[in-house]
Amino acid sequence: MTTTPCELYIVEDSTPLLTSSASSYDSMIESLNDEMNTALDLEFIECSNDMVSAMMYDYESNYTIKQLKHIIGYYGIKSKTKKSDIVQDIILFETNPINTETVLRRKQLFCYIDVLKNDGYLKDYIII
C-alpha cells in the first residue's frame, strides 16, 4: 500500500496549508516560531512605550526641577534648564539596559534619603 502526500489548499490563492512531508512540517514550525517571536517583539515594544509614558508622567508630575537635577547629578548627566529636557534625559538614561545597576542603586539610595528625612531625629541632618 502506497501513501500519497496529503495537501490542503485555500481556495483563494491555492497555496498548500498542510503536507505530510517532514520538510513542510519543519518550515511550518519555523514560520510559526517567527510569527510568535515577532508578536513578542511587538508586545515588548508596546510595553516599553507604555513604560516610558508612565515614567514621563511620573517625573513630570511628581518631581520638582530641584529633585530632577539631583537625579541627573547622580547619573553624571549635564544639567539642562527646561524640566521636559531633564525628564527626557533621565528617561533615556534609565531605559538603557547598560545603566540598570546604576538606576537601581540610585533608587535605593534616594529611598534611604527619604527614610532619613522622615525620621524625627535624623531629619535635621539631611540637607537635600
Protein backbone atom coordinates (compact mmCIF):
# COMPACT_ATOMS: atom_id res chain seq x y z
CA MET A 1 0.00 0.00 0.00
CA THR A 2 1.46 3.36 -1.02
CA THR A 3 0.66 6.64 0.65
CA THR A 4 0.33 9.87 -1.18
CA PRO A 5 1.05 13.22 0.43
CA CYS A 6 -1.98 14.89 1.88
CA GLU A 7 -2.34 18.56 0.92
CA LEU A 8 -4.88 21.20 1.86
CA TYR A 9 -5.41 24.36 -0.19
CA ILE A 10 -7.00 27.71 0.42
CA VAL A 11 -9.38 28.27 -2.44
CA GLU A 12 -8.44 31.93 -2.99
CA ASP A 13 -4.72 31.52 -3.67
CA SER A 14 -4.26 27.73 -3.95
CA THR A 15 -1.31 27.51 -1.54
CA PRO A 16 -0.76 24.30 0.35
CA LEU A 17 -1.60 24.51 4.05
CA LEU A 18 -0.52 21.07 5.13
CA THR A 19 1.63 18.42 3.56
CA SER A 20 2.77 15.17 5.06
CA SER A 21 6.47 15.66 4.33
CA ALA A 22 8.89 16.42 7.17
CA SER A 23 10.40 19.45 5.43
CA SER A 24 6.99 21.11 5.18
CA TYR A 25 6.37 20.42 8.84
CA ASP A 26 9.73 21.96 9.76
CA SER A 27 9.06 25.02 7.64
CA MET A 28 5.63 25.44 9.22
CA ILE A 29 7.10 25.22 12.72
CA GLU A 30 9.80 27.71 11.77
CA SER A 31 7.17 30.06 10.34
CA LEU A 32 5.07 29.76 13.47
CA ASN A 33 8.10 30.47 15.67
CA ASP A 34 8.95 33.53 13.58
CA GLU A 35 5.38 34.83 13.93
CA MET A 36 5.42 34.26 17.69
CA ASN A 37 8.79 35.99 18.08
CA THR A 38 7.56 38.93 16.02
CA ALA A 39 4.44 39.15 18.17
CA LEU A 40 6.56 39.03 21.34
CA ASP A 41 8.86 41.76 20.00
CA LEU A 42 5.88 43.97 19.20
CA GLU A 43 4.43 43.28 22.64
CA PHE A 44 7.77 44.28 24.24
CA ILE A 45 7.87 47.49 22.19
CA GLU A 46 4.31 48.36 23.23
CA CYS A 47 5.13 47.60 26.85
CA SER A 48 8.27 49.66 26.54
CA ASN A 49 6.34 52.61 25.14
CA ASP A 50 3.80 52.30 27.94
CA MET A 51 6.60 52.20 30.49
CA VAL A 52 8.27 55.30 29.02
CA SER A 53 4.96 57.16 29.03
CA ALA A 54 4.39 56.21 32.66
CA MET A 55 7.90 57.29 33.62
CA MET A 56 7.48 60.59 31.81
CA TYR A 57 4.18 61.29 33.55
CA ASP A 58 5.67 60.34 36.93
CA TYR A 59 8.71 62.60 36.59
CA GLU A 60 6.70 65.50 35.16
CA SER A 61 4.01 65.46 37.83
CA ASN A 62 5.70 64.16 40.99
CA TYR A 63 9.19 65.74 40.93
CA THR A 64 10.38 69.31 41.16
CA ILE A 65 13.18 70.63 38.97
CA LYS A 66 15.46 70.58 42.02
CA GLN A 67 14.74 66.88 42.61
CA LEU A 68 15.27 66.10 38.93
CA LYS A 69 18.60 67.94 39.00
CA HIS A 70 19.68 65.74 41.92
CA ILE A 71 18.85 62.67 39.83
CA ILE A 72 20.80 63.83 36.76
CA GLY A 73 23.62 64.90 39.05
CA TYR A 74 23.81 61.37 40.43
CA TYR A 75 23.87 59.97 36.89
CA GLY A 76 26.53 62.47 35.82
CA ILE A 77 24.34 63.97 33.10
CA LYS A 78 24.89 67.60 32.13
CA SER A 79 22.16 69.78 33.63
CA LYS A 80 19.60 71.46 31.38
CA THR A 81 17.18 74.23 32.27
CA LYS A 82 13.81 73.01 30.98
CA LYS A 83 12.01 70.38 33.04
CA SER A 84 10.90 68.45 29.96
CA ASP A 85 14.52 68.21 28.72
CA ILE A 86 15.70 66.98 32.11
CA VAL A 87 12.94 64.36 32.23
CA GLN A 88 13.80 63.20 28.71
CA ASP A 89 17.49 62.81 29.63
CA ILE A 90 16.62 60.85 32.77
CA ILE A 91 14.31 58.52 30.85
CA LEU A 92 16.90 57.93 28.13
CA PHE A 93 19.46 57.06 30.79
CA GLU A 94 17.14 54.84 32.84
CA THR A 95 15.76 52.88 29.90
CA ASN A 96 19.23 51.97 28.63
CA PRO A 97 19.89 48.37 29.80
CA ILE A 98 23.58 49.20 30.36
CA ASN A 99 22.59 51.57 33.19
CA THR A 100 20.31 49.17 35.08
CA GLU A 101 22.62 48.72 38.07
CA THR A 102 23.22 52.47 38.41
CA VAL A 103 19.48 53.19 38.22
CA LEU A 104 18.64 50.57 40.85
CA ARG A 105 21.41 51.86 43.12
CA ARG A 106 20.17 55.46 42.75
CA LYS A 107 16.59 54.49 43.55
CA GLN A 108 17.73 52.56 46.60
CA LEU A 109 19.89 55.40 47.93
CA PHE A 110 17.24 58.05 47.26
CA CYS A 111 14.75 55.87 49.14
CA TYR A 112 17.17 55.84 52.09
CA ILE A 113 17.32 59.64 51.92
CA ASP A 114 13.51 59.80 52.10
CA VAL A 115 13.54 57.49 55.14
CA LEU A 116 16.13 59.69 56.85
CA LYS A 117 14.17 62.86 56.01
CA ASN A 118 11.08 61.36 57.66
CA ASP A 119 12.95 60.32 60.81
CA GLY A 120 12.24 62.54 63.79
CA TYR A 121 15.88 62.86 64.85
CA LEU A 122 17.90 62.48 61.64
CA LYS A 123 15.79 64.85 59.53
CA ASP A 124 17.76 67.77 60.97
CA TYR A 125 20.98 66.33 59.47
CA ILE A 126 19.74 65.76 55.90
CA ILE A 127 20.32 68.79 53.67
CA ILE A 128 18.95 67.53 50.34
